[in-house]
Amino acid sequence: MADTKPKKLVFTRQEMFEINKKTLNKRGVQLEAIAEICYQQQSKYSDDVSRDVCMESVEKILSLRDVFHHIQLAAEIDRLAEEKMFQGPIQDIIYEDLGMFGIDETMGLDVAGLYGTIGQTNFGDIDVNKHGIVKRLNDAGKEDGICHTFLDDIVGAIAAAASTRVAQILNEDLAHEDTGVKRFSIFDIK
């Protein structure tokens, strides 16, 4: 008997967050590790950065539809490469994380670009310097049987976007201090 239940293609933000969190956890990534990169990147510029706002920013990024699609695709590509499911030269290119292969960075730039040029600049720093969990994923991806070609860039991009979001929050707070006007939130609208 065929499954008559319709396929679910669209998810709520909460569902996307939960699925993304589960996917990242399954691949060995804890949200706190992403938030730590965000914190390290922004604490260089401000003493007002808290780990709580960094975690809030990571969680916000993980609930976005574009990010949901990127994470799900990236994790699946890496899994398929681990299982040697691709054919032809692309299998080895992805599995070995060939340096000249840039599609993984393009996906990372796309995620980081949700927060503009600064998001992409923050991603460049994380991608080149391999901070925290990004370094651990990159190093683990060199072991036999493990592929993190896409995951390390997506995780770095999430950290970069979250870092940029934190900077925007801090600058908004600073701007409101200067004006003495209460900070506006879209959630204030009834």
C-alpha atoms as a PDB file:
ATOM      1  CA  MET A   1       0.000   0.000   0.000  1.00  0.00           C
ATOM      2  CA  ALA A   2       1.461   3.340  -1.071  1.00  0.00           C
ATOM      3  CA  ASP A   3       2.052   6.127   1.418  1.00  0.00           C
ATOM      4  CA  THR A   4      -0.804   8.592   0.842  1.00  0.00           C
ATOM      5  CA  LYS A   5       0.458  11.178   3.300  1.00  0.00           C
ATOM      6  CA  PRO A   6       1.543  14.313   1.413  1.00  0.00           C
ATOM      7  CA  LYS A   7       5.229  15.166   1.531  1.00  0.00           C
ATOM      8  CA  LYS A   8       6.094  18.051   3.809  1.00  0.00           C
ATOM      9  CA  LEU A   9       8.154  20.659   1.988  1.00  0.00           C
ATOM     10  CA  VAL A  10       7.548  23.797   4.028  1.00  0.00           C
ATOM     11  CA  PHE A  11       8.389  24.083   7.721  1.00  0.00           C
ATOM     12  CA  THR A  12       7.869  26.684  10.429  1.00  0.00           C
ATOM     13  CA  ARG A  13      10.862  28.598  11.722  1.00  0.00           C
ATOM     14  CA  GLN A  14      10.775  26.544  14.924  1.00  0.00           C
ATOM     15  CA  GLU A  15      10.716  23.298  12.940  1.00  0.00           C
ATOM     16  CA  MET A  16      13.613  24.463  10.751  1.00  0.00           C
ATOM     17  CA  PHE A  17      15.602  25.408  13.843  1.00  0.00           C
ATOM     18  CA  GLU A  18      14.981  22.006  15.452  1.00  0.00           C
ATOM     19  CA  ILE A  19      15.831  20.064  12.273  1.00  0.00           C
ATOM     20  CA  ASN A  20      18.989  22.137  11.734  1.00  0.00           C
ATOM     21  CA  LYS A  21      20.060  21.640  15.338  1.00  0.00           C
ATOM     22  CA  LYS A  22      19.510  17.887  15.042  1.00  0.00           C
ATOM     23  CA  THR A  23      21.415  17.727  11.733  1.00  0.00           C
ATOM     24  CA  LEU A  24      24.362  19.677  13.155  1.00  0.00           C
ATOM     25  CA  ASN A  25      24.416  17.587  16.346  1.00  0.00           C
ATOM     26  CA  LYS A  26      24.386  14.397  14.278  1.00  0.00           C
ATOM     27  CA  ARG A  27      27.436  15.711  12.396  1.00  0.00           C
ATOM     28  CA  GLY A  28      29.227  16.547  15.675  1.00  0.00           C
ATOM     29  CA  VAL A  29      28.467  20.270  15.907  1.00  0.00           C
ATOM     30  CA  GLN A  30      27.060  21.812  19.084  1.00  0.00           C
ATOM     31  CA  LEU A  31      25.432  25.245  18.839  1.00  0.00           C
ATOM     32  CA  GLU A  32      27.578  26.492  21.721  1.00  0.00           C
ATOM     33  CA  ALA A  33      30.694  25.866  19.620  1.00  0.00           C
ATOM     34  CA  ILE A  34      29.314  28.077  16.843  1.00  0.00           C
ATOM     35  CA  ALA A  35      28.332  30.762  19.363  1.00  0.00           C
ATOM     36  CA  GLU A  36      31.870  30.657  20.777  1.00  0.00           C
ATOM     37  CA  ILE A  37      33.342  31.621  17.384  1.00  0.00           C
ATOM     38  CA  CYS A  38      30.811  34.455  17.202  1.00  0.00           C
ATOM     39  CA  TYR A  39      31.803  35.583  20.701  1.00  0.00           C
ATOM     40  CA  GLN A  40      35.551  35.449  19.948  1.00  0.00           C
ATOM     41  CA  GLN A  41      35.083  37.429  16.765  1.00  0.00           C
ATOM     42  CA  GLN A  42      32.961  40.197  18.316  1.00  0.00           C
ATOM     43  CA  SER A  43      34.617  40.450  21.748  1.00  0.00           C
ATOM     44  CA  LYS A  44      37.689  41.876  19.992  1.00  0.00           C
ATOM     45  CA  TYR A  45      35.626  44.958  19.197  1.00  0.00           C
ATOM     46  CA  SER A  46      33.354  45.379  22.198  1.00  0.00           C
ATOM     47  CA  ASP A  47      33.355  44.566  25.890  1.00  0.00           C
ATOM     48  CA  ASP A  48      29.532  44.512  25.796  1.00  0.00           C
ATOM     49  CA  VAL A  49      29.306  41.197  23.941  1.00  0.00           C
ATOM     50  CA  SER A  50      27.636  38.423  25.900  1.00  0.00           C
ATOM     51  CA  ARG A  51      27.639  34.735  25.121  1.00  0.00           C
ATOM     52  CA  ASP A  52      23.839  34.814  25.496  1.00  0.00           C
ATOM     53  CA  VAL A  53      23.379  37.268  22.607  1.00  0.00           C
ATOM     54  CA  CYS A  54      25.823  35.194  20.546  1.00  0.00           C
ATOM     55  CA  MET A  55      23.783  32.039  21.182  1.00  0.00           C
ATOM     56  CA  GLU A  56      20.548  33.915  20.464  1.00  0.00           C
ATOM     57  CA  SER A  57      22.038  35.034  17.149  1.00  0.00           C
ATOM     58  CA  VAL A  58      23.118  31.510  16.194  1.00  0.00           C
ATOM     59  CA  GLU A  59      19.626  30.233  16.987  1.00  0.00           C
ATOM     60  CA  LYS A  60      18.046  33.025  14.930  1.00  0.00           C
ATOM     61  CA  ILE A  61      20.272  32.213  11.933  1.00  0.00           C
ATOM     62  CA  LEU A  62      19.361  28.513  12.204  1.00  0.00           C
ATOM     63  CA  SER A  63      15.651  29.345  11.896  1.00  0.00           C
ATOM     64  CA  LEU A  64      16.005  31.085   8.529  1.00  0.00           C
ATOM     65  CA  ARG A  65      14.652  29.257   5.479  1.00  0.00           C
ATOM     66  CA  ASP A  66      17.699  29.850   3.239  1.00  0.00           C
ATOM     67  CA  VAL A  67      20.012  28.640   5.994  1.00  0.00           C
ATOM     68  CA  PHE A  68      17.800  25.589   6.517  1.00  0.00           C
ATOM     69  CA  HIS A  69      18.179  24.653   2.864  1.00  0.00           C
ATOM     70  CA  HIS A  70      21.946  25.229   2.920  1.00  0.00           C
ATOM     71  CA  ILE A  71      22.520  23.147   6.059  1.00  0.00           C
ATOM     72  CA  GLN A  72      20.363  20.283   4.870  1.00  0.00           C
ATOM     73  CA  LEU A  73      22.030  20.202   1.438  1.00  0.00           C
ATOM     74  CA  ALA A  74      25.569  20.567   2.814  1.00  0.00           C
ATOM     75  CA  ALA A  75      25.140  17.793   5.381  1.00  0.00           C
ATOM     76  CA  GLU A  76      23.630  15.489   2.780  1.00  0.00           C
ATOM     77  CA  ILE A  77      26.404  16.130   0.243  1.00  0.00           C
ATOM     78  CA  ASP A  78      29.049  15.327   2.865  1.00  0.00           C
ATOM     79  CA  ARG A  79      27.186  12.190   3.942  1.00  0.00           C
ATOM     80  CA  LEU A  80      26.843  10.980   0.362  1.00  0.00           C
ATOM     81  CA  ALA A  81      30.555  11.608  -0.232  1.00  0.00           C
ATOM     82  CA  GLU A  82      31.404   9.609   2.917  1.00  0.00           C
ATOM     83  CA  GLU A  83      29.311   6.737   1.579  1.00  0.00           C
ATOM     84  CA  LYS A  84      30.999   7.105  -1.833  1.00  0.00           C
ATOM     85  CA  MET A  85      27.637   7.648  -3.519  1.00  0.00           C
ATOM     86  CA  PHE A  86      28.822  10.159  -6.123  1.00  0.00           C
ATOM     87  CA  GLN A  87      30.210   9.045  -9.442  1.00  0.00           C
ATOM     88  CA  GLY A  88      33.175  10.201 -11.452  1.00  0.00           C
ATOM     89  CA  PRO A  89      35.757  12.717 -10.389  1.00  0.00           C
ATOM     90  CA  ILE A  90      33.325  14.733  -8.230  1.00  0.00           C
ATOM     91  CA  GLN A  91      33.346  11.932  -5.624  1.00  0.00           C
ATOM     92  CA  ASP A  92      37.083  12.320  -5.022  1.00  0.00           C
ATOM     93  CA  ILE A  93      37.010  16.108  -5.355  1.00  0.00           C
ATOM     94  CA  ILE A  94      34.397  16.426  -2.591  1.00  0.00           C
ATOM     95  CA  TYR A  95      35.707  13.582  -0.427  1.00  0.00           C
ATOM     96  CA  GLU A  96      39.291  14.870  -0.502  1.00  0.00           C
ATOM     97  CA  ASP A  97      38.160  18.525  -0.134  1.00  0.00           C
ATOM     98  CA  LEU A  98      40.229  19.660  -3.117  1.00  0.00           C
ATOM     99  CA  GLY A  99      41.579  23.166  -2.457  1.00  0.00           C
ATOM    100  CA  MET A 100      40.605  24.391  -5.924  1.00  0.00           C
ATOM    101  CA  PHE A 101      36.982  23.289  -5.388  1.00  0.00           C
ATOM    102  CA  GLY A 102      35.124  26.385  -4.272  1.00  0.00           C
ATOM    103  CA  ILE A 103      31.451  25.434  -4.302  1.00  0.00           C
ATOM    104  CA  ASP A 104      31.559  24.828  -0.540  1.00  0.00           C
ATOM    105  CA  GLU A 105      32.915  28.345   0.044  1.00  0.00           C
ATOM    106  CA  THR A 106      30.300  29.748  -2.340  1.00  0.00           C
ATOM    107  CA  MET A 107      27.572  28.208  -0.201  1.00  0.00           C
ATOM    108  CA  GLY A 108      29.245  29.654   2.902  1.00  0.00           C
ATOM    109  CA  LEU A 109      29.452  33.102   1.317  1.00  0.00           C
ATOM    110  CA  ASP A 110      25.775  32.874   0.439  1.00  0.00           C
ATOM    111  CA  VAL A 111      24.794  32.145   4.053  1.00  0.00           C
ATOM    112  CA  ALA A 112      27.117  34.815   5.460  1.00  0.00           C
ATOM    113  CA  GLY A 113      25.868  37.244   2.799  1.00  0.00           C
ATOM    114  CA  LEU A 114      22.446  37.235   4.421  1.00  0.00           C
ATOM    115  CA  TYR A 115      24.123  39.770   6.733  1.00  0.00           C
ATOM    116  CA  GLY A 116      25.771  41.766   3.963  1.00  0.00           C
ATOM    117  CA  THR A 117      29.353  42.428   3.069  1.00  0.00           C
ATOM    118  CA  ILE A 118      30.479  42.397   6.703  1.00  0.00           C
ATOM    119  CA  GLY A 119      28.974  38.919   7.079  1.00  0.00           C
ATOM    120  CA  GLN A 120      31.028  37.788   4.103  1.00  0.00           C
ATOM    121  CA  THR A 121      34.152  39.463   5.488  1.00  0.00           C
ATOM    122  CA  ASN A 122      33.616  37.717   8.828  1.00  0.00           C
ATOM    123  CA  PHE A 123      33.218  34.424   6.940  1.00  0.00           C
ATOM    124  CA  GLY A 124      36.518  35.031   5.138  1.00  0.00           C
ATOM    125  CA  ASP A 125      38.281  35.444   8.486  1.00  0.00           C
ATOM    126  CA  ILE A 126      36.747  32.254   9.862  1.00  0.00           C
ATOM    127  CA  ASP A 127      37.395  30.292   6.666  1.00  0.00           C
ATOM    128  CA  VAL A 128      41.055  31.325   6.421  1.00  0.00           C
ATOM    129  CA  ASN A 129      41.945  31.159  10.122  1.00  0.00           C
ATOM    130  CA  LYS A 130      39.810  28.087  10.944  1.00  0.00           C
ATOM    131  CA  HIS A 131      38.511  29.094  14.366  1.00  0.00           C
ATOM    132  CA  GLY A 132      37.222  26.576  16.947  1.00  0.00           C
ATOM    133  CA  ILE A 133      34.744  24.015  15.658  1.00  0.00           C
ATOM    134  CA  VAL A 134      35.551  24.956  12.059  1.00  0.00           C
ATOM    135  CA  LYS A 135      39.158  23.813  12.586  1.00  0.00           C
ATOM    136  CA  ARG A 136      38.016  20.618  14.292  1.00  0.00           C
ATOM    137  CA  LEU A 137      35.649  19.836  11.408  1.00  0.00           C
ATOM    138  CA  ASN A 138      38.290  20.650   8.809  1.00  0.00           C
ATOM    139  CA  ASP A 139      40.900  18.467  10.555  1.00  0.00           C
ATOM    140  CA  ALA A 140      38.452  15.588  11.120  1.00  0.00           C
ATOM    141  CA  GLY A 141      37.499  15.754   7.429  1.00  0.00           C
ATOM    142  CA  LYS A 142      41.024  14.662   6.545  1.00  0.00           C
ATOM    143  CA  GLU A 143      40.511  11.323   8.342  1.00  0.00           C
ATOM    144  CA  ASP A 144      39.491   8.306   6.303  1.00  0.00           C
ATOM    145  CA  GLY A 145      35.722   7.832   6.204  1.00  0.00           C
ATOM    146  CA  ILE A 146      34.858  11.411   7.210  1.00  0.00           C
ATOM    147  CA  CYS A 147      33.886  14.258   4.898  1.00  0.00           C
ATOM    148  CA  HIS A 148      33.218  17.770   6.145  1.00  0.00           C
ATOM    149  CA  THR A 149      33.902  19.593   2.871  1.00  0.00           C
ATOM    150  CA  PHE A 150      30.631  21.519   3.008  1.00  0.00           C
ATOM    151  CA  LEU A 151      29.886  21.372   6.727  1.00  0.00           C
ATOM    152  CA  ASP A 152      32.964  23.296   7.897  1.00  0.00           C
ATOM    153  CA  ASP A 153      32.089  26.177   5.566  1.00  0.00           C
ATOM    154  CA  ILE A 154      28.403  26.217   6.482  1.00  0.00           C
ATOM    155  CA  VAL A 155      29.246  26.201  10.202  1.00  0.00           C
ATOM    156  CA  GLY A 156      31.763  29.012   9.659  1.00  0.00           C
ATOM    157  CA  ALA A 157      29.153  30.957   7.721  1.00  0.00           C
ATOM    158  CA  ILE A 158      26.579  30.559  10.493  1.00  0.00           C
ATOM    159  CA  ALA A 159      29.151  31.871  12.991  1.00  0.00           C
ATOM    160  CA  ALA A 160      29.959  34.770  10.642  1.00  0.00           C
ATOM    161  CA  ALA A 161      26.302  35.695  10.165  1.00  0.00           C
ATOM    162  CA  ALA A 162      25.692  35.462  13.916  1.00  0.00           C
ATOM    163  CA  SER A 163      28.758  37.599  14.587  1.00  0.00           C
ATOM    164  CA  THR A 164      27.492  40.254  12.202  1.00  0.00           C
ATOM    165  CA  ARG A 165      24.035  40.135  13.785  1.00  0.00           C
ATOM    166  CA  VAL A 166      25.641  40.691  17.212  1.00  0.00           C
ATOM    167  CA  ALA A 167      27.545  43.707  15.852  1.00  0.00           C
ATOM    168  CA  GLN A 168      24.295  45.103  14.443  1.00  0.00           C
ATOM    169  CA  ILE A 169      22.530  44.667  17.789  1.00  0.00           C
ATOM    170  CA  LEU A 170      25.369  46.384  19.653  1.00  0.00           C
ATOM    171  CA  ASN A 171      25.408  49.271  17.187  1.00  0.00           C
ATOM    172  CA  GLU A 172      21.639  49.648  17.396  1.00  0.00           C
ATOM    173  CA  ASP A 173      21.871  49.738  21.193  1.00  0.00           C
ATOM    174  CA  LEU A 174      24.637  52.337  20.976  1.00  0.00           C
ATOM    175  CA  ALA A 175      22.637  54.490  18.574  1.00  0.00           C
ATOM    176  CA  HIS A 176      19.651  54.446  20.930  1.00  0.00           C
ATOM    177  CA  GLU A 177      21.817  55.386  23.906  1.00  0.00           C
ATOM    178  CA  ASP A 178      22.923  58.484  22.007  1.00  0.00           C
ATOM    179  CA  THR A 179      19.350  59.532  21.190  1.00  0.00           C
ATOM    180  CA  GLY A 180      17.689  58.552  24.433  1.00  0.00           C
ATOM    181  CA  VAL A 181      14.889  56.974  22.411  1.00  0.00           C
ATOM    182  CA  LYS A 182      13.596  53.545  23.373  1.00  0.00           C
ATOM    183  CA  ARG A 183      14.807  50.842  21.023  1.00  0.00           C
ATOM    184  CA  PHE A 184      12.143  49.921  18.472  1.00  0.00           C
ATOM    185  CA  SER A 185      11.265  46.295  17.877  1.00  0.00           C
ATOM    186  CA  ILE A 186       8.916  44.852  15.292  1.00  0.00           C
ATOM    187  CA  PHE A 187       7.514  42.817  18.173  1.00  0.00           C
ATOM    188  CA  ASP A 188       6.242  46.083  19.716  1.00  0.00           C
ATOM    189  CA  ILE A 189       3.626  46.282  16.955  1.00  0.00           C
ATOM    190  CA  LYS A 190       0.293  44.730  17.926  1.00  0.00           C
END
